[in-house]
Amino acid sequence: MLMMPLKMEITDGMMDDGDDDVDEHPEADVSTETNATVPDKKARDNFPDIMLSHIQTVERPMPDPNLGLHYNGWLRRLGARAFHRCFPLIGELKNAPPRGLQGVEYINARKKLLSAAADDLVVYLSMHFVSDPHASTVIGLVGAGGWWQWAEIRREDAVEYSDLAHSEEVVKGRQKISNRFDNRPVVWLGTQQSDQQWILLRAKVINILNFHHFQYPAAPTFD
């Protein structure tokens, strides 16, 4: 399931639903998030255009219905608790190349737009790997109109979060990310070539998820 990026908004008392169990995996709690964004023309929007969210839950034992808020909290969550969330795919989209361009000019404009999208991934990936210390790889996707391509990005390719303030490190990071996209097919949505790339991308995402039980904490148990 493709999901738009989410912004965390927490207010006092928002979490008070009678469920006072200690949450061992707060990073998986999606109950207090909205897609609301506070407008600020002076601020840089550091939210990717596309993120693939993977969430895992475990079943919780049903509490006594007479416990009130505890039971209501269990009902609202359908008897489940999210214990894991990760983002195995992060994407950035740009506008399509100008329709008035043709031939080499069109190809160069498309390449420039895809390269700009890949540059934006540098910040997103740096934030992703620092917020998810267990992740070792992620799929980067860039698009320009109907044109798109993808590549596997490893943790060692990303700029350290503390180095984002150093322009020379950002330049090196852009080059590493750009190298990952070099020689990757650029395809048009809806074509057979595009469908083939979606199949390969899906297989790569599944492979990433299959290694989760080696990289991430195990699911909690309830007595």
C-alpha atoms as a PDB file:
ATOM      1  CA  MET A   1       0.000   0.000   0.000  1.00  0.00           C
ATOM      2  CA  LEU A   2       1.426   3.368  -1.007  1.00  0.00           C
ATOM      3  CA  MET A   3       0.946   6.018   1.631  1.00  0.00           C
ATOM      4  CA  MET A   4       1.593   9.721   1.675  1.00  0.00           C
ATOM      5  CA  PRO A   5       4.029  10.916   4.330  1.00  0.00           C
ATOM      6  CA  LEU A   6       2.556  11.746   7.709  1.00  0.00           C
ATOM      7  CA  LYS A   7       3.190  14.523  10.168  1.00  0.00           C
ATOM      8  CA  MET A   8       3.151  13.878  13.897  1.00  0.00           C
ATOM      9  CA  GLU A   9       0.794  16.036  15.930  1.00  0.00           C
ATOM     10  CA  ILE A  10       0.425  15.228  19.647  1.00  0.00           C
ATOM     11  CA  THR A  11      -1.553  17.175  22.209  1.00  0.00           C
ATOM     12  CA  ASP A  12      -1.930  16.660  25.945  1.00  0.00           C
ATOM     13  CA  GLY A  13      -4.334  13.884  26.738  1.00  0.00           C
ATOM     14  CA  MET A  14      -4.528  12.596  23.167  1.00  0.00           C
ATOM     15  CA  MET A  15      -3.106   9.241  24.167  1.00  0.00           C
ATOM     16  CA  ASP A  16      -5.406   8.797  27.179  1.00  0.00           C
ATOM     17  CA  ASP A  17      -7.684   5.972  26.139  1.00  0.00           C
ATOM     18  CA  GLY A  18      -7.294   3.888  29.269  1.00  0.00           C
ATOM     19  CA  ASP A  19      -4.557   1.755  27.747  1.00  0.00           C
ATOM     20  CA  ASP A  20      -1.730   2.372  30.189  1.00  0.00           C
ATOM     21  CA  ASP A  21       0.443  -0.556  29.094  1.00  0.00           C
ATOM     22  CA  VAL A  22       4.034   0.432  28.458  1.00  0.00           C
ATOM     23  CA  ASP A  23       4.566   0.720  24.705  1.00  0.00           C
ATOM     24  CA  GLU A  24       7.853  -0.965  23.914  1.00  0.00           C
ATOM     25  CA  HIS A  25       7.663   0.139  20.270  1.00  0.00           C
ATOM     26  CA  PRO A  26       6.492   3.771  20.196  1.00  0.00           C
ATOM     27  CA  GLU A  27       7.844   4.179  16.666  1.00  0.00           C
ATOM     28  CA  ALA A  28       5.040   1.907  15.473  1.00  0.00           C
ATOM     29  CA  ASP A  29       2.245   3.981  17.041  1.00  0.00           C
ATOM     30  CA  VAL A  30       0.238   5.556  14.232  1.00  0.00           C
ATOM     31  CA  SER A  31      -2.795   6.491  16.302  1.00  0.00           C
ATOM     32  CA  THR A  32      -1.777  10.130  16.781  1.00  0.00           C
ATOM     33  CA  GLU A  33      -0.780  11.048  13.239  1.00  0.00           C
ATOM     34  CA  THR A  34      -2.554  13.098  10.600  1.00  0.00           C
ATOM     35  CA  ASN A  35      -1.702  14.242   7.104  1.00  0.00           C
ATOM     36  CA  ALA A  36      -2.104  17.886   8.125  1.00  0.00           C
ATOM     37  CA  THR A  37       0.788  20.186   7.231  1.00  0.00           C
ATOM     38  CA  VAL A  38       1.205  23.673   8.676  1.00  0.00           C
ATOM     39  CA  PRO A  39       1.816  26.066   5.738  1.00  0.00           C
ATOM     40  CA  ASP A  40       5.128  27.889   5.886  1.00  0.00           C
ATOM     41  CA  LYS A  41       6.457  29.324   2.633  1.00  0.00           C
ATOM     42  CA  LYS A  42       9.816  30.077   4.249  1.00  0.00           C
ATOM     43  CA  ALA A  43      10.360  26.500   5.405  1.00  0.00           C
ATOM     44  CA  ARG A  44      11.656  23.640   3.324  1.00  0.00           C
ATOM     45  CA  ASP A  45       9.217  20.780   2.912  1.00  0.00           C
ATOM     46  CA  ASN A  46      11.211  17.746   3.979  1.00  0.00           C
ATOM     47  CA  PHE A  47       8.452  15.255   3.374  1.00  0.00           C
ATOM     48  CA  PRO A  48       8.908  12.796   0.485  1.00  0.00           C
ATOM     49  CA  ASP A  49       6.138  12.594  -2.108  1.00  0.00           C
ATOM     50  CA  ILE A  50       5.710   8.818  -1.742  1.00  0.00           C
ATOM     51  CA  MET A  51       6.437   6.389   1.072  1.00  0.00           C
ATOM     52  CA  LEU A  52       5.609   2.722   1.342  1.00  0.00           C
ATOM     53  CA  SER A  53       4.581   1.980   4.922  1.00  0.00           C
ATOM     54  CA  HIS A  54       4.928  -1.519   6.347  1.00  0.00           C
ATOM     55  CA  ILE A  55       3.137  -2.110   9.655  1.00  0.00           C
ATOM     56  CA  GLN A  56       2.957  -5.274  11.746  1.00  0.00           C
ATOM     57  CA  THR A  57       0.578  -5.927  14.614  1.00  0.00           C
ATOM     58  CA  VAL A  58       0.060  -8.550  17.287  1.00  0.00           C
ATOM     59  CA  GLU A  59      -3.192  -9.672  18.846  1.00  0.00           C
ATOM     60  CA  ARG A  60      -3.789  -8.613  22.436  1.00  0.00           C
ATOM     61  CA  PRO A  61      -5.879 -10.512  24.963  1.00  0.00           C
ATOM     62  CA  MET A  62      -9.344  -9.084  25.470  1.00  0.00           C
ATOM     63  CA  PRO A  63      -9.636  -7.222  28.804  1.00  0.00           C
ATOM     64  CA  ASP A  64     -12.634  -7.417  31.081  1.00  0.00           C
ATOM     65  CA  PRO A  65     -15.493  -5.423  29.448  1.00  0.00           C
ATOM     66  CA  ASN A  66     -16.181  -3.929  32.876  1.00  0.00           C
ATOM     67  CA  LEU A  67     -12.818  -2.111  32.794  1.00  0.00           C
ATOM     68  CA  GLY A  68     -14.302   0.714  30.757  1.00  0.00           C
ATOM     69  CA  LEU A  69     -11.551   2.717  29.064  1.00  0.00           C
ATOM     70  CA  HIS A  70      -9.227  -0.285  28.891  1.00  0.00           C
ATOM     71  CA  TYR A  71     -11.858  -2.297  27.055  1.00  0.00           C
ATOM     72  CA  ASN A  72     -12.789   0.639  24.793  1.00  0.00           C
ATOM     73  CA  GLY A  73      -9.150   1.074  23.839  1.00  0.00           C
ATOM     74  CA  TRP A  74      -8.921  -2.600  22.955  1.00  0.00           C
ATOM     75  CA  LEU A  75     -12.048  -2.306  20.790  1.00  0.00           C
ATOM     76  CA  ARG A  76     -10.788   0.760  18.926  1.00  0.00           C
ATOM     77  CA  ARG A  77      -7.633  -1.105  17.987  1.00  0.00           C
ATOM     78  CA  LEU A  78      -9.601  -4.211  16.977  1.00  0.00           C
ATOM     79  CA  GLY A  79      -7.711  -6.194  19.597  1.00  0.00           C
ATOM     80  CA  ALA A  80      -4.357  -5.480  17.958  1.00  0.00           C
ATOM     81  CA  ARG A  81      -1.254  -3.466  18.799  1.00  0.00           C
ATOM     82  CA  ALA A  82       1.192  -2.148  16.229  1.00  0.00           C
ATOM     83  CA  PHE A  83       4.708  -3.160  17.197  1.00  0.00           C
ATOM     84  CA  HIS A  84       6.610  -2.465  13.993  1.00  0.00           C
ATOM     85  CA  ARG A  85       6.592   0.148  11.261  1.00  0.00           C
ATOM     86  CA  CYS A  86       9.151   0.831   8.575  1.00  0.00           C
ATOM     87  CA  PHE A  87       9.351   2.516   5.194  1.00  0.00           C
ATOM     88  CA  PRO A  88      11.031   0.233   2.637  1.00  0.00           C
ATOM     89  CA  LEU A  89      10.401   2.700  -0.218  1.00  0.00           C
ATOM     90  CA  ILE A  90      10.844   6.468  -0.386  1.00  0.00           C
ATOM     91  CA  GLY A  91      10.058   8.417  -3.538  1.00  0.00           C
ATOM     92  CA  GLU A  92      10.314  11.952  -4.903  1.00  0.00           C
ATOM     93  CA  LEU A  93       8.324  13.198  -7.902  1.00  0.00           C
ATOM     94  CA  LYS A  94       8.915  16.147 -10.228  1.00  0.00           C
ATOM     95  CA  ASN A  95       6.862  17.685 -13.012  1.00  0.00           C
ATOM     96  CA  ALA A  96       7.037  16.281 -16.527  1.00  0.00           C
ATOM     97  CA  PRO A  97       9.521  17.790 -19.004  1.00  0.00           C
ATOM     98  CA  PRO A  98       8.071  20.666 -21.079  1.00  0.00           C
ATOM     99  CA  ARG A  99       5.926  19.320 -23.883  1.00  0.00           C
ATOM    100  CA  GLY A 100       7.453  21.728 -26.359  1.00  0.00           C
ATOM    101  CA  LEU A 101      10.832  20.001 -26.173  1.00  0.00           C
ATOM    102  CA  GLN A 102      11.799  17.209 -28.532  1.00  0.00           C
ATOM    103  CA  GLY A 103      14.652  14.814 -29.131  1.00  0.00           C
ATOM    104  CA  VAL A 104      17.855  15.428 -27.214  1.00  0.00           C
ATOM    105  CA  GLU A 105      16.465  18.540 -25.504  1.00  0.00           C
ATOM    106  CA  TYR A 106      13.556  16.531 -24.104  1.00  0.00           C
ATOM    107  CA  ILE A 107      15.834  13.704 -22.920  1.00  0.00           C
ATOM    108  CA  ASN A 108      18.202  16.173 -21.240  1.00  0.00           C
ATOM    109  CA  ALA A 109      15.300  17.942 -19.504  1.00  0.00           C
ATOM    110  CA  ARG A 110      13.970  14.594 -18.272  1.00  0.00           C
ATOM    111  CA  LYS A 111      17.390  13.586 -16.998  1.00  0.00           C
ATOM    112  CA  LYS A 112      17.745  16.904 -15.155  1.00  0.00           C
ATOM    113  CA  LEU A 113      14.367  16.486 -13.451  1.00  0.00           C
ATOM    114  CA  LEU A 114      15.089  12.905 -12.383  1.00  0.00           C
ATOM    115  CA  SER A 115      18.494  14.003 -11.105  1.00  0.00           C
ATOM    116  CA  ALA A 116      16.861  16.792  -9.074  1.00  0.00           C
ATOM    117  CA  ALA A 117      14.483  14.240  -7.545  1.00  0.00           C
ATOM    118  CA  ALA A 118      17.436  12.016  -6.638  1.00  0.00           C
ATOM    119  CA  ASP A 119      19.168  15.010  -5.028  1.00  0.00           C
ATOM    120  CA  ASP A 120      16.123  15.570  -2.818  1.00  0.00           C
ATOM    121  CA  LEU A 121      16.365  11.968  -1.653  1.00  0.00           C
ATOM    122  CA  VAL A 122      19.704  12.761  -0.008  1.00  0.00           C
ATOM    123  CA  VAL A 123      18.018  14.572   2.898  1.00  0.00           C
ATOM    124  CA  TYR A 124      15.117  12.122   3.138  1.00  0.00           C
ATOM    125  CA  LEU A 125      17.382   9.081   3.256  1.00  0.00           C
ATOM    126  CA  SER A 126      19.655  10.639   5.849  1.00  0.00           C
ATOM    127  CA  MET A 127      16.635  11.287   8.087  1.00  0.00           C
ATOM    128  CA  HIS A 128      15.241   7.826   7.345  1.00  0.00           C
ATOM    129  CA  PHE A 129      18.336   5.911   8.412  1.00  0.00           C
ATOM    130  CA  VAL A 130      18.810   7.928  11.594  1.00  0.00           C
ATOM    131  CA  SER A 131      15.151   7.455  12.564  1.00  0.00           C
ATOM    132  CA  ASP A 132      15.260   3.722  11.796  1.00  0.00           C
ATOM    133  CA  PRO A 133      18.535   2.348  13.187  1.00  0.00           C
ATOM    134  CA  HIS A 134      17.620  -1.195  12.114  1.00  0.00           C
ATOM    135  CA  ALA A 135      17.195  -0.439   8.404  1.00  0.00           C
ATOM    136  CA  SER A 136      20.105  -1.409   6.180  1.00  0.00           C
ATOM    137  CA  THR A 137      18.602  -0.689   2.767  1.00  0.00           C
ATOM    138  CA  VAL A 138      15.684   1.146   1.194  1.00  0.00           C
ATOM    139  CA  ILE A 139      14.224   1.533  -2.278  1.00  0.00           C
ATOM    140  CA  GLY A 140      14.609   5.001  -3.766  1.00  0.00           C
ATOM    141  CA  LEU A 141      12.094   5.984  -6.454  1.00  0.00           C
ATOM    142  CA  VAL A 142      12.233   9.127  -8.593  1.00  0.00           C
ATOM    143  CA  GLY A 143       9.781  10.375 -11.192  1.00  0.00           C
ATOM    144  CA  ALA A 144       9.258  13.174 -13.687  1.00  0.00           C
ATOM    145  CA  GLY A 145       5.699  13.191 -14.947  1.00  0.00           C
ATOM    146  CA  GLY A 146       5.032   9.681 -16.237  1.00  0.00           C
ATOM    147  CA  TRP A 147       8.736   8.801 -16.348  1.00  0.00           C
ATOM    148  CA  TRP A 148      10.213   6.972 -13.378  1.00  0.00           C
ATOM    149  CA  GLN A 149      13.058   4.777 -12.184  1.00  0.00           C
ATOM    150  CA  TRP A 150      14.121   3.077  -8.978  1.00  0.00           C
ATOM    151  CA  ALA A 151      17.276   1.886  -7.246  1.00  0.00           C
ATOM    152  CA  GLU A 152      18.296   0.141  -4.050  1.00  0.00           C
ATOM    153  CA  ILE A 153      20.012   2.532  -1.623  1.00  0.00           C
ATOM    154  CA  ARG A 154      22.158   1.176   1.194  1.00  0.00           C
ATOM    155  CA  ARG A 155      22.823   2.783   4.554  1.00  0.00           C
ATOM    156  CA  GLU A 156      26.454   3.409   3.638  1.00  0.00           C
ATOM    157  CA  ASP A 157      25.294   5.460   0.626  1.00  0.00           C
ATOM    158  CA  ALA A 158      23.397   7.948   2.798  1.00  0.00           C
ATOM    159  CA  VAL A 159      24.888  11.097   4.287  1.00  0.00           C
ATOM    160  CA  GLU A 160      25.229  10.982   8.053  1.00  0.00           C
ATOM    161  CA  TYR A 161      22.522  13.134   9.584  1.00  0.00           C
ATOM    162  CA  SER A 162      25.108  15.197  11.459  1.00  0.00           C
ATOM    163  CA  ASP A 163      26.860  15.931   8.140  1.00  0.00           C
ATOM    164  CA  LEU A 164      23.868  17.510   6.400  1.00  0.00           C
ATOM    165  CA  ALA A 165      25.118  20.939   7.483  1.00  0.00           C
ATOM    166  CA  HIS A 166      28.399  20.372   5.624  1.00  0.00           C
ATOM    167  CA  SER A 167      27.988  21.115   1.928  1.00  0.00           C
ATOM    168  CA  GLU A 168      30.944  18.989   0.860  1.00  0.00           C
ATOM    169  CA  GLU A 169      29.426  15.905   2.517  1.00  0.00           C
ATOM    170  CA  VAL A 170      26.069  16.592   0.876  1.00  0.00           C
ATOM    171  CA  VAL A 171      27.772  16.809  -2.521  1.00  0.00           C
ATOM    172  CA  LYS A 172      29.431  13.437  -1.903  1.00  0.00           C
ATOM    173  CA  GLY A 173      26.099  11.985  -0.822  1.00  0.00           C
ATOM    174  CA  ARG A 174      24.376  13.239  -3.964  1.00  0.00           C
ATOM    175  CA  GLN A 175      27.036  11.581  -6.064  1.00  0.00           C
ATOM    176  CA  LYS A 176      26.590   8.255  -4.253  1.00  0.00           C
ATOM    177  CA  ILE A 177      22.822   8.352  -4.693  1.00  0.00           C
ATOM    178  CA  SER A 178      23.211   9.416  -8.323  1.00  0.00           C
ATOM    179  CA  ASN A 179      25.548   6.486  -8.939  1.00  0.00           C
ATOM    180  CA  ARG A 180      22.844   4.106  -7.714  1.00  0.00           C
ATOM    181  CA  PHE A 181      20.456   5.410 -10.366  1.00  0.00           C
ATOM    182  CA  ASP A 182      23.030   5.347 -13.173  1.00  0.00           C
ATOM    183  CA  ASN A 183      22.243   2.693 -15.776  1.00  0.00           C
ATOM    184  CA  ARG A 184      18.851   2.008 -14.143  1.00  0.00           C
ATOM    185  CA  PRO A 185      16.006   1.884 -16.714  1.00  0.00           C
ATOM    186  CA  VAL A 186      13.876   5.012 -17.112  1.00  0.00           C
ATOM    187  CA  VAL A 187      10.388   3.857 -18.059  1.00  0.00           C
ATOM    188  CA  TRP A 188       6.980   5.337 -18.817  1.00  0.00           C
ATOM    189  CA  LEU A 189       4.043   4.358 -16.626  1.00  0.00           C
ATOM    190  CA  GLY A 190       1.623   1.899 -18.186  1.00  0.00           C
ATOM    191  CA  THR A 191       4.068   0.379 -20.648  1.00  0.00           C
ATOM    192  CA  GLN A 192       5.284  -3.198 -20.618  1.00  0.00           C
ATOM    193  CA  GLN A 193       8.745  -2.009 -19.583  1.00  0.00           C
ATOM    194  CA  SER A 194       7.206  -0.146 -16.649  1.00  0.00           C
ATOM    195  CA  ASP A 195       5.224  -3.206 -15.564  1.00  0.00           C
ATOM    196  CA  GLN A 196       8.398  -5.277 -15.629  1.00  0.00           C
ATOM    197  CA  GLN A 197      10.132  -2.750 -13.385  1.00  0.00           C
ATOM    198  CA  TRP A 198       7.198  -2.820 -10.942  1.00  0.00           C
ATOM    199  CA  ILE A 199       7.541  -6.597 -10.736  1.00  0.00           C
ATOM    200  CA  LEU A 200      11.266  -6.305 -10.011  1.00  0.00           C
ATOM    201  CA  LEU A 201      10.668  -3.527  -7.481  1.00  0.00           C
ATOM    202  CA  ARG A 202       8.002  -5.565  -5.691  1.00  0.00           C
ATOM    203  CA  ALA A 203      10.353  -8.548  -5.479  1.00  0.00           C
ATOM    204  CA  LYS A 204      13.077  -6.348  -3.993  1.00  0.00           C
ATOM    205  CA  VAL A 205      10.694  -4.895  -1.384  1.00  0.00           C
ATOM    206  CA  ILE A 206       9.564  -8.400  -0.409  1.00  0.00           C
ATOM    207  CA  ASN A 207      13.198  -9.415  -0.047  1.00  0.00           C
ATOM    208  CA  ILE A 208      13.821  -6.455   2.272  1.00  0.00           C
ATOM    209  CA  LEU A 209      10.804  -7.366   4.404  1.00  0.00           C
ATOM    210  CA  ASN A 210      11.824 -11.028   4.571  1.00  0.00           C
ATOM    211  CA  PHE A 211      15.001 -10.006   6.410  1.00  0.00           C
ATOM    212  CA  HIS A 212      13.130  -8.044   9.062  1.00  0.00           C
ATOM    213  CA  HIS A 213      13.131 -10.882  11.572  1.00  0.00           C
ATOM    214  CA  PHE A 214      16.952 -10.742  11.509  1.00  0.00           C
ATOM    215  CA  GLN A 215      17.198  -6.948  11.818  1.00  0.00           C
ATOM    216  CA  TYR A 216      14.276  -5.761  13.948  1.00  0.00           C
ATOM    217  CA  PRO A 217      13.112  -6.554  17.494  1.00  0.00           C
ATOM    218  CA  ALA A 218      10.773  -9.513  17.899  1.00  0.00           C
ATOM    219  CA  ALA A 219       7.057  -9.058  18.435  1.00  0.00           C
ATOM    220  CA  PRO A 220       6.018  -8.465  22.062  1.00  0.00           C
ATOM    221  CA  THR A 221       4.102 -11.141  23.942  1.00  0.00           C
ATOM    222  CA  PHE A 222       1.247 -10.702  26.398  1.00  0.00           C
ATOM    223  CA  ASP A 223       0.577 -12.893  29.401  1.00  0.00           C
END
